[in-house]
Amino acid sequence: MRVSPLGATLVASLVSLLSLAPSAVAQNGAAPGAARPAAAAAPPAAPTGTNVAVIDVAQIFKSHVRFNDQMAQIKKDIEAFEGYVRGKQQEFNTKREALAQFQAGSKDYKDREEELDKMQSDLLVDVGLKRKAFLEQEARVYYHIYKEIEQSVAIFAQRYRIGLVLRYTKDDMKPEDRNSVLQGVNRAVVYHGGLDITDQILRELNAGATPTTQPGAQGVPQPPPRTTSPIIPGRGPKPY
C-alpha cells in the first residue's frame, strides 16, 4: 500500500507524541514505572478487493437481448421502406415506358416528363429523410444501451470496490486477417489474470428479458445493412 506524503507526516507526528508521553505523565505526578492502561487495538483494515477489472464491450452488445431486438426491428423497418421504394421504382418505369406513346416535344409529352421528374425528386427527398431517421434511431439504440452498460458496470464496481474497469476483447487474432492482427497488436489490455466481469454484467443486463431474435454470430451486431441505398427511379443503386 502506498502512503501519501500527508499520511507519512501524520504518522511521524503520532510517533513523536507517543515518545513524549512518559515524561508528560511523570510531570503530572505518576510514578515513572507505574503501569499505564493498554491502548485500544486498532480495527483491522477493510479488504480492498480487486481494484482493476476488464470487460468485453463487444461481447456485451453481441449478447444483449434488448439491443438485438431493437436492431432487428430497425432492420425490418428498413426492409419495409425498401419495398415501398421498389414499388415506386416499378411505377416510375411503367410511366416512363408509357411516355413513348406521345410525340416528343408535345404538350402531353412534356406534362408526363415533368410528372416523372417530380416523382423522382420527391422520392429522393423521401429516401434522404428516411435514411437520416434510420441512422438517428440506430444511434439512439447504441447510446441508451451503452449508458445502461456504464451504469451497470459502475454499480458492480462500487459493490466490489473495483477502482478501474478497462475495455478489452476476448477474440483471438487471426494471422491471415490483417485487420484482426492490427486490432490485436493495438489492444490496451495485454494480459489479465481472471479479472473479466463481462458475464456478470451480461447477467444483470439481461435479467428478465426474453430474446425474440438470435444474437449476432460474432462481435458487436452490425447496424442494419447499408451497403446500398434504396433504388431511386431513374438511377442505379448508390452507396449510403
C-alpha atoms as a PDB file:
ATOM      1  CA  MET A   1       0.000   0.000   0.000  1.00  0.00           C
ATOM      2  CA  ARG A   2       1.371   3.428  -0.890  1.00  0.00           C
ATOM      3  CA  VAL A   3       1.454   6.096   1.796  1.00  0.00           C
ATOM      4  CA  SER A   4       0.850   9.658   0.718  1.00  0.00           C
ATOM      5  CA  PRO A   5       3.226  12.433   1.925  1.00  0.00           C
ATOM      6  CA  LEU A   6       0.401  13.730   4.137  1.00  0.00           C
ATOM      7  CA  GLY A   7      -0.087  10.269   5.637  1.00  0.00           C
ATOM      8  CA  ALA A   8       3.668   9.895   6.290  1.00  0.00           C
ATOM      9  CA  THR A   9       3.757  13.279   8.087  1.00  0.00           C
ATOM     10  CA  LEU A  10       0.773  12.307  10.224  1.00  0.00           C
ATOM     11  CA  VAL A  11       2.394   9.011  11.230  1.00  0.00           C
ATOM     12  CA  ALA A  12       5.633  10.792  12.159  1.00  0.00           C
ATOM     13  CA  SER A  13       3.705  13.246  14.344  1.00  0.00           C
ATOM     14  CA  LEU A  14       1.906  10.412  16.180  1.00  0.00           C
ATOM     15  CA  VAL A  15       5.239   8.667  16.855  1.00  0.00           C
ATOM     16  CA  SER A  16       6.681  11.904  18.223  1.00  0.00           C
ATOM     17  CA  LEU A  17       3.725  12.402  20.565  1.00  0.00           C
ATOM     18  CA  LEU A  18       3.958   8.838  21.841  1.00  0.00           C
ATOM     19  CA  SER A  19       7.669   9.299  22.639  1.00  0.00           C
ATOM     20  CA  LEU A  20       6.846  12.323  24.802  1.00  0.00           C
ATOM     21  CA  ALA A  21       4.024  10.578  26.678  1.00  0.00           C
ATOM     22  CA  PRO A  22       6.113   9.056  29.601  1.00  0.00           C
ATOM     23  CA  SER A  23       7.738  12.369  30.581  1.00  0.00           C
ATOM     24  CA  ALA A  24       4.395  14.138  30.454  1.00  0.00           C
ATOM     25  CA  VAL A  25       2.877  11.541  32.784  1.00  0.00           C
ATOM     26  CA  ALA A  26       5.821  11.846  35.239  1.00  0.00           C
ATOM     27  CA  GLN A  27       5.377  15.607  35.341  1.00  0.00           C
ATOM     28  CA  ASN A  28       1.763  15.091  36.326  1.00  0.00           C
ATOM     29  CA  GLY A  29       2.775  13.035  39.388  1.00  0.00           C
ATOM     30  CA  ALA A  30       2.566   9.488  38.024  1.00  0.00           C
ATOM     31  CA  ALA A  31       5.329   7.090  39.007  1.00  0.00           C
ATOM     32  CA  PRO A  32       7.751   6.502  36.163  1.00  0.00           C
ATOM     33  CA  GLY A  33       7.347   2.725  36.477  1.00  0.00           C
ATOM     34  CA  ALA A  34       3.596   2.734  37.002  1.00  0.00           C
ATOM     35  CA  ALA A  35       1.574   0.614  34.637  1.00  0.00           C
ATOM     36  CA  ARG A  36      -0.432   2.508  32.066  1.00  0.00           C
ATOM     37  CA  PRO A  37      -3.744   1.417  30.585  1.00  0.00           C
ATOM     38  CA  ALA A  38      -3.270  -0.592  27.415  1.00  0.00           C
ATOM     39  CA  ALA A  39      -4.070   1.258  24.197  1.00  0.00           C
ATOM     40  CA  ALA A  40      -7.189   0.111  22.365  1.00  0.00           C
ATOM     41  CA  ALA A  41      -6.412  -2.266  19.490  1.00  0.00           C
ATOM     42  CA  ALA A  42      -6.831  -0.698  16.034  1.00  0.00           C
ATOM     43  CA  PRO A  43      -9.647  -2.243  13.974  1.00  0.00           C
ATOM     44  CA  PRO A  44      -8.473  -4.438  11.096  1.00  0.00           C
ATOM     45  CA  ALA A  45      -8.323  -2.735   7.725  1.00  0.00           C
ATOM     46  CA  ALA A  46     -11.259  -3.491   5.461  1.00  0.00           C
ATOM     47  CA  PRO A  47     -10.358  -5.628   2.441  1.00  0.00           C
ATOM     48  CA  THR A  48      -9.978  -3.587  -0.686  1.00  0.00           C
ATOM     49  CA  GLY A  49     -10.765  -6.442  -3.101  1.00  0.00           C
ATOM     50  CA  THR A  50      -9.727  -6.434  -6.744  1.00  0.00           C
ATOM     51  CA  ASN A  51      -9.264  -2.837  -7.830  1.00  0.00           C
ATOM     52  CA  VAL A  52      -8.902  -3.494 -11.575  1.00  0.00           C
ATOM     53  CA  ALA A  53     -11.168  -5.481 -13.911  1.00  0.00           C
ATOM     54  CA  VAL A  54     -11.753  -5.857 -17.661  1.00  0.00           C
ATOM     55  CA  ILE A  55     -14.882  -6.104 -19.792  1.00  0.00           C
ATOM     56  CA  ASP A  56     -15.545  -7.143 -23.381  1.00  0.00           C
ATOM     57  CA  VAL A  57     -17.994  -4.476 -24.564  1.00  0.00           C
ATOM     58  CA  ALA A  58     -18.322  -6.102 -27.993  1.00  0.00           C
ATOM     59  CA  GLN A  59     -19.461  -9.314 -26.332  1.00  0.00           C
ATOM     60  CA  ILE A  60     -21.962  -7.343 -24.249  1.00  0.00           C
ATOM     61  CA  PHE A  61     -23.574  -5.888 -27.383  1.00  0.00           C
ATOM     62  CA  LYS A  62     -23.485  -9.251 -29.127  1.00  0.00           C
ATOM     63  CA  SER A  63     -25.429 -10.986 -26.354  1.00  0.00           C
ATOM     64  CA  HIS A  64     -27.570  -8.096 -25.083  1.00  0.00           C
ATOM     65  CA  VAL A  65     -31.146  -9.289 -25.607  1.00  0.00           C
ATOM     66  CA  ARG A  66     -32.935  -5.945 -25.868  1.00  0.00           C
ATOM     67  CA  PHE A  67     -30.208  -4.449 -28.072  1.00  0.00           C
ATOM     68  CA  ASN A  68     -30.544  -7.279 -30.584  1.00  0.00           C
ATOM     69  CA  ASP A  69     -34.343  -6.984 -30.560  1.00  0.00           C
ATOM     70  CA  GLN A  70     -34.235  -3.246 -31.220  1.00  0.00           C
ATOM     71  CA  MET A  71     -31.683  -3.599 -34.002  1.00  0.00           C
ATOM     72  CA  ALA A  72     -33.782  -6.342 -35.600  1.00  0.00           C
ATOM     73  CA  GLN A  73     -36.801  -4.018 -35.567  1.00  0.00           C
ATOM     74  CA  ILE A  74     -34.808  -1.274 -37.296  1.00  0.00           C
ATOM     75  CA  LYS A  75     -33.772  -3.785 -39.947  1.00  0.00           C
ATOM     76  CA  LYS A  76     -37.419  -4.737 -40.516  1.00  0.00           C
ATOM     77  CA  ASP A  77     -38.360  -1.064 -40.897  1.00  0.00           C
ATOM     78  CA  ILE A  78     -35.594  -0.579 -43.457  1.00  0.00           C
ATOM     79  CA  GLU A  79     -36.708  -3.631 -45.431  1.00  0.00           C
ATOM     80  CA  ALA A  80     -40.296  -2.357 -45.424  1.00  0.00           C
ATOM     81  CA  PHE A  81     -39.185   1.042 -46.712  1.00  0.00           C
ATOM     82  CA  GLU A  82     -37.069  -0.573 -49.414  1.00  0.00           C
ATOM     83  CA  GLY A  83     -40.216  -2.446 -50.513  1.00  0.00           C
ATOM     84  CA  TYR A  84     -42.010   0.894 -50.781  1.00  0.00           C
ATOM     85  CA  VAL A  85     -39.160   2.304 -52.876  1.00  0.00           C
ATOM     86  CA  ARG A  86     -39.188  -0.704 -55.180  1.00  0.00           C
ATOM     87  CA  GLY A  87     -42.918  -0.142 -55.718  1.00  0.00           C
ATOM     88  CA  LYS A  88     -42.236   3.470 -56.664  1.00  0.00           C
ATOM     89  CA  GLN A  89     -39.477   2.298 -58.990  1.00  0.00           C
ATOM     90  CA  GLN A  90     -41.894  -0.014 -60.764  1.00  0.00           C
ATOM     91  CA  GLU A  91     -44.477   2.758 -61.057  1.00  0.00           C
ATOM     92  CA  PHE A  92     -41.834   5.105 -62.452  1.00  0.00           C
ATOM     93  CA  ASN A  93     -40.704   2.585 -65.061  1.00  0.00           C
ATOM     94  CA  THR A  94     -44.300   1.943 -66.161  1.00  0.00           C
ATOM     95  CA  LYS A  95     -44.937   5.660 -66.661  1.00  0.00           C
ATOM     96  CA  ARG A  96     -41.649   6.142 -68.455  1.00  0.00           C
ATOM     97  CA  GLU A  97     -42.499   3.347 -70.881  1.00  0.00           C
ATOM     98  CA  ALA A  98     -45.898   4.948 -71.481  1.00  0.00           C
ATOM     99  CA  LEU A  99     -44.129   8.182 -72.404  1.00  0.00           C
ATOM    100  CA  ALA A 100     -43.149   6.618 -75.742  1.00  0.00           C
ATOM    101  CA  GLN A 101     -46.802   6.779 -76.792  1.00  0.00           C
ATOM    102  CA  PHE A 102     -46.610  10.573 -77.021  1.00  0.00           C
ATOM    103  CA  GLN A 103     -44.790  12.637 -79.555  1.00  0.00           C
ATOM    104  CA  ALA A 104     -41.595  14.154 -78.224  1.00  0.00           C
ATOM    105  CA  GLY A 105     -41.979  17.877 -77.661  1.00  0.00           C
ATOM    106  CA  SER A 106     -45.765  17.773 -77.491  1.00  0.00           C
ATOM    107  CA  LYS A 107     -47.640  19.206 -74.508  1.00  0.00           C
ATOM    108  CA  ASP A 108     -48.732  15.746 -73.305  1.00  0.00           C
ATOM    109  CA  TYR A 109     -45.157  14.518 -73.557  1.00  0.00           C
ATOM    110  CA  LYS A 110     -43.806  17.482 -71.587  1.00  0.00           C
ATOM    111  CA  ASP A 111     -46.515  17.152 -68.926  1.00  0.00           C
ATOM    112  CA  ARG A 112     -45.699  13.499 -68.320  1.00  0.00           C
ATOM    113  CA  GLU A 113     -41.996  14.207 -68.412  1.00  0.00           C
ATOM    114  CA  GLU A 114     -42.446  16.827 -65.692  1.00  0.00           C
ATOM    115  CA  GLU A 115     -44.525  14.346 -63.700  1.00  0.00           C
ATOM    116  CA  LEU A 116     -41.683  11.806 -63.877  1.00  0.00           C
ATOM    117  CA  ASP A 117     -39.113  14.422 -62.817  1.00  0.00           C
ATOM    118  CA  LYS A 118     -41.247  15.410 -59.825  1.00  0.00           C
ATOM    119  CA  MET A 119     -41.782  11.772 -58.894  1.00  0.00           C
ATOM    120  CA  GLN A 120     -38.051  11.147 -58.945  1.00  0.00           C
ATOM    121  CA  SER A 121     -37.298  14.325 -56.980  1.00  0.00           C
ATOM    122  CA  ASP A 122     -39.918  13.577 -54.313  1.00  0.00           C
ATOM    123  CA  LEU A 123     -38.628  10.050 -53.849  1.00  0.00           C
ATOM    124  CA  LEU A 124     -35.056  11.298 -53.487  1.00  0.00           C
ATOM    125  CA  VAL A 125     -36.212  13.572 -50.672  1.00  0.00           C
ATOM    126  CA  ASP A 126     -38.145  10.717 -49.016  1.00  0.00           C
ATOM    127  CA  VAL A 127     -35.128   8.416 -49.150  1.00  0.00           C
ATOM    128  CA  GLY A 128     -32.830  11.104 -47.741  1.00  0.00           C
ATOM    129  CA  LEU A 129     -35.168  11.828 -44.834  1.00  0.00           C
ATOM    130  CA  LYS A 130     -35.732   8.140 -44.091  1.00  0.00           C
ATOM    131  CA  ARG A 131     -32.018   7.392 -44.207  1.00  0.00           C
ATOM    132  CA  LYS A 132     -31.374  10.172 -41.688  1.00  0.00           C
ATOM    133  CA  ALA A 133     -34.187   8.897 -39.453  1.00  0.00           C
ATOM    134  CA  PHE A 134     -32.852   5.318 -39.513  1.00  0.00           C
ATOM    135  CA  LEU A 135     -29.326   6.455 -38.643  1.00  0.00           C
ATOM    136  CA  GLU A 136     -30.613   8.578 -35.758  1.00  0.00           C
ATOM    137  CA  GLN A 137     -32.757   5.706 -34.497  1.00  0.00           C
ATOM    138  CA  GLU A 138     -29.779   3.365 -34.636  1.00  0.00           C
ATOM    139  CA  ALA A 139     -27.591   5.893 -32.789  1.00  0.00           C
ATOM    140  CA  ARG A 140     -30.186   6.246 -30.021  1.00  0.00           C
ATOM    141  CA  VAL A 141     -30.266   2.467 -29.526  1.00  0.00           C
ATOM    142  CA  TYR A 142     -26.477   2.299 -29.212  1.00  0.00           C
ATOM    143  CA  TYR A 143     -26.456   5.329 -26.898  1.00  0.00           C
ATOM    144  CA  HIS A 144     -29.077   4.073 -24.455  1.00  0.00           C
ATOM    145  CA  ILE A 145     -27.696   0.533 -24.307  1.00  0.00           C
ATOM    146  CA  TYR A 146     -24.148   1.792 -23.755  1.00  0.00           C
ATOM    147  CA  LYS A 147     -25.381   4.077 -20.966  1.00  0.00           C
ATOM    148  CA  GLU A 148     -27.029   1.018 -19.417  1.00  0.00           C
ATOM    149  CA  ILE A 149     -23.731  -0.842 -19.607  1.00  0.00           C
ATOM    150  CA  GLU A 150     -21.898   2.074 -17.997  1.00  0.00           C
ATOM    151  CA  GLN A 151     -24.396   2.251 -15.136  1.00  0.00           C
ATOM    152  CA  SER A 152     -24.325  -1.496 -14.542  1.00  0.00           C
ATOM    153  CA  VAL A 153     -20.516  -1.537 -14.528  1.00  0.00           C
ATOM    154  CA  ALA A 154     -20.408   1.403 -12.106  1.00  0.00           C
ATOM    155  CA  ILE A 155     -22.774  -0.309  -9.647  1.00  0.00           C
ATOM    156  CA  PHE A 156     -20.875  -3.586  -9.897  1.00  0.00           C
ATOM    157  CA  ALA A 157     -17.510  -1.829  -9.435  1.00  0.00           C
ATOM    158  CA  GLN A 158     -18.700   0.074  -6.363  1.00  0.00           C
ATOM    159  CA  ARG A 159     -20.188  -3.077  -4.879  1.00  0.00           C
ATOM    160  CA  TYR A 160     -16.895  -4.964  -5.171  1.00  0.00           C
ATOM    161  CA  ARG A 161     -14.572  -1.979  -4.691  1.00  0.00           C
ATOM    162  CA  ILE A 162     -13.165  -2.055  -8.203  1.00  0.00           C
ATOM    163  CA  GLY A 163     -11.430   1.200  -8.950  1.00  0.00           C
ATOM    164  CA  LEU A 164     -10.803   0.768 -12.686  1.00  0.00           C
ATOM    165  CA  VAL A 165     -12.551  -1.191 -15.464  1.00  0.00           C
ATOM    166  CA  LEU A 166     -10.703  -1.499 -18.779  1.00  0.00           C
ATOM    167  CA  ARG A 167     -12.211  -2.388 -22.133  1.00  0.00           C
ATOM    168  CA  TYR A 168     -10.718  -5.370 -23.954  1.00  0.00           C
ATOM    169  CA  THR A 169     -11.735  -8.092 -26.400  1.00  0.00           C
ATOM    170  CA  LYS A 170     -11.777 -11.840 -25.945  1.00  0.00           C
ATOM    171  CA  ASP A 171     -11.369 -12.502 -29.667  1.00  0.00           C
ATOM    172  CA  ASP A 172      -8.064 -14.021 -30.712  1.00  0.00           C
ATOM    173  CA  MET A 173      -6.057 -12.523 -33.537  1.00  0.00           C
ATOM    174  CA  LYS A 174      -6.373 -14.222 -36.918  1.00  0.00           C
ATOM    175  CA  PRO A 175      -2.937 -14.292 -38.592  1.00  0.00           C
ATOM    176  CA  GLU A 176      -4.485 -14.401 -42.066  1.00  0.00           C
ATOM    177  CA  ASP A 177      -6.671 -11.334 -41.357  1.00  0.00           C
ATOM    178  CA  ARG A 178      -4.707  -8.071 -41.435  1.00  0.00           C
ATOM    179  CA  ASN A 179      -7.428  -6.053 -39.668  1.00  0.00           C
ATOM    180  CA  SER A 180      -7.663  -8.650 -36.914  1.00  0.00           C
ATOM    181  CA  VAL A 181      -3.885  -8.538 -36.384  1.00  0.00           C
ATOM    182  CA  LEU A 182      -3.819  -4.731 -36.288  1.00  0.00           C
ATOM    183  CA  GLN A 183      -6.636  -4.655 -33.756  1.00  0.00           C
ATOM    184  CA  GLY A 184      -4.848  -7.266 -31.689  1.00  0.00           C
ATOM    185  CA  VAL A 185      -1.499  -5.503 -31.502  1.00  0.00           C
ATOM    186  CA  ASN A 186      -3.272  -2.269 -30.519  1.00  0.00           C
ATOM    187  CA  ARG A 187      -5.150  -3.782 -27.602  1.00  0.00           C
ATOM    188  CA  ALA A 188      -4.898  -1.773 -24.402  1.00  0.00           C
ATOM    189  CA  VAL A 189      -5.016  -4.909 -22.250  1.00  0.00           C
ATOM    190  CA  VAL A 190      -2.262  -7.430 -22.987  1.00  0.00           C
ATOM    191  CA  TYR A 191      -2.888  -9.739 -20.024  1.00  0.00           C
ATOM    192  CA  HIS A 192      -5.318 -10.127 -17.172  1.00  0.00           C
ATOM    193  CA  GLY A 193      -5.493 -12.819 -14.521  1.00  0.00           C
ATOM    194  CA  GLY A 194      -9.159 -13.780 -14.427  1.00  0.00           C
ATOM    195  CA  LEU A 195     -10.448 -10.224 -13.928  1.00  0.00           C
ATOM    196  CA  ASP A 196     -13.112 -10.396 -16.659  1.00  0.00           C
ATOM    197  CA  ILE A 197     -16.534  -9.173 -15.423  1.00  0.00           C
ATOM    198  CA  THR A 198     -18.305  -9.483 -18.817  1.00  0.00           C
ATOM    199  CA  ASP A 199     -20.519 -12.417 -17.868  1.00  0.00           C
ATOM    200  CA  GLN A 200     -21.598 -10.860 -14.560  1.00  0.00           C
ATOM    201  CA  ILE A 201     -22.616  -7.620 -16.275  1.00  0.00           C
ATOM    202  CA  LEU A 202     -24.459  -9.516 -19.024  1.00  0.00           C
ATOM    203  CA  ARG A 203     -26.481 -11.457 -16.470  1.00  0.00           C
ATOM    204  CA  GLU A 204     -27.596  -8.225 -14.821  1.00  0.00           C
ATOM    205  CA  LEU A 205     -28.437  -6.510 -18.128  1.00  0.00           C
ATOM    206  CA  ASN A 206     -30.401  -9.476 -19.488  1.00  0.00           C
ATOM    207  CA  ALA A 207     -32.241 -10.249 -16.262  1.00  0.00           C
ATOM    208  CA  GLY A 208     -35.926 -10.712 -17.063  1.00  0.00           C
ATOM    209  CA  ALA A 209     -35.507 -10.147 -20.816  1.00  0.00           C
ATOM    210  CA  THR A 210     -36.881 -12.689 -23.266  1.00  0.00           C
ATOM    211  CA  PRO A 211     -34.949 -12.909 -26.536  1.00  0.00           C
ATOM    212  CA  THR A 212     -37.027 -12.725 -29.716  1.00  0.00           C
ATOM    213  CA  THR A 213     -34.081 -12.657 -32.117  1.00  0.00           C
ATOM    214  CA  GLN A 214     -30.889 -14.667 -32.415  1.00  0.00           C
ATOM    215  CA  PRO A 215     -27.806 -12.677 -31.291  1.00  0.00           C
ATOM    216  CA  GLY A 216     -25.123 -11.972 -33.908  1.00  0.00           C
ATOM    217  CA  ALA A 217     -22.641 -14.688 -34.716  1.00  0.00           C
ATOM    218  CA  GLN A 218     -19.603 -12.733 -33.631  1.00  0.00           C
ATOM    219  CA  GLY A 219     -18.545  -9.313 -32.375  1.00  0.00           C
ATOM    220  CA  VAL A 220     -20.885  -6.383 -31.961  1.00  0.00           C
ATOM    221  CA  PRO A 221     -24.077  -6.860 -34.004  1.00  0.00           C
ATOM    222  CA  GLN A 222     -23.648  -4.761 -37.102  1.00  0.00           C
ATOM    223  CA  PRO A 223     -26.102  -1.966 -37.885  1.00  0.00           C
ATOM    224  CA  PRO A 224     -28.791  -2.806 -40.442  1.00  0.00           C
ATOM    225  CA  PRO A 225     -27.194  -3.494 -43.841  1.00  0.00           C
ATOM    226  CA  ARG A 226     -26.354  -0.246 -45.618  1.00  0.00           C
ATOM    227  CA  THR A 227     -24.153  -1.397 -48.470  1.00  0.00           C
ATOM    228  CA  THR A 228     -26.560   0.230 -50.890  1.00  0.00           C
ATOM    229  CA  SER A 229     -29.391   2.689 -50.595  1.00  0.00           C
ATOM    230  CA  PRO A 230     -32.908   2.002 -51.867  1.00  0.00           C
ATOM    231  CA  ILE A 231     -33.103   2.211 -55.652  1.00  0.00           C
ATOM    232  CA  ILE A 232     -34.249   5.610 -56.890  1.00  0.00           C
ATOM    233  CA  PRO A 233     -36.316   5.863 -60.069  1.00  0.00           C
ATOM    234  CA  GLY A 234     -34.044   6.704 -62.973  1.00  0.00           C
ATOM    235  CA  ARG A 235     -30.897   5.907 -61.000  1.00  0.00           C
ATOM    236  CA  GLY A 236     -28.961   2.838 -60.081  1.00  0.00           C
ATOM    237  CA  PRO A 237     -28.087   1.796 -56.510  1.00  0.00           C
ATOM    238  CA  LYS A 238     -25.637   4.126 -54.808  1.00  0.00           C
ATOM    239  CA  PRO A 239     -23.641   3.738 -51.572  1.00  0.00           C
ATOM    240  CA  TYR A 240     -25.035   5.193 -48.395  1.00  0.00           C
END
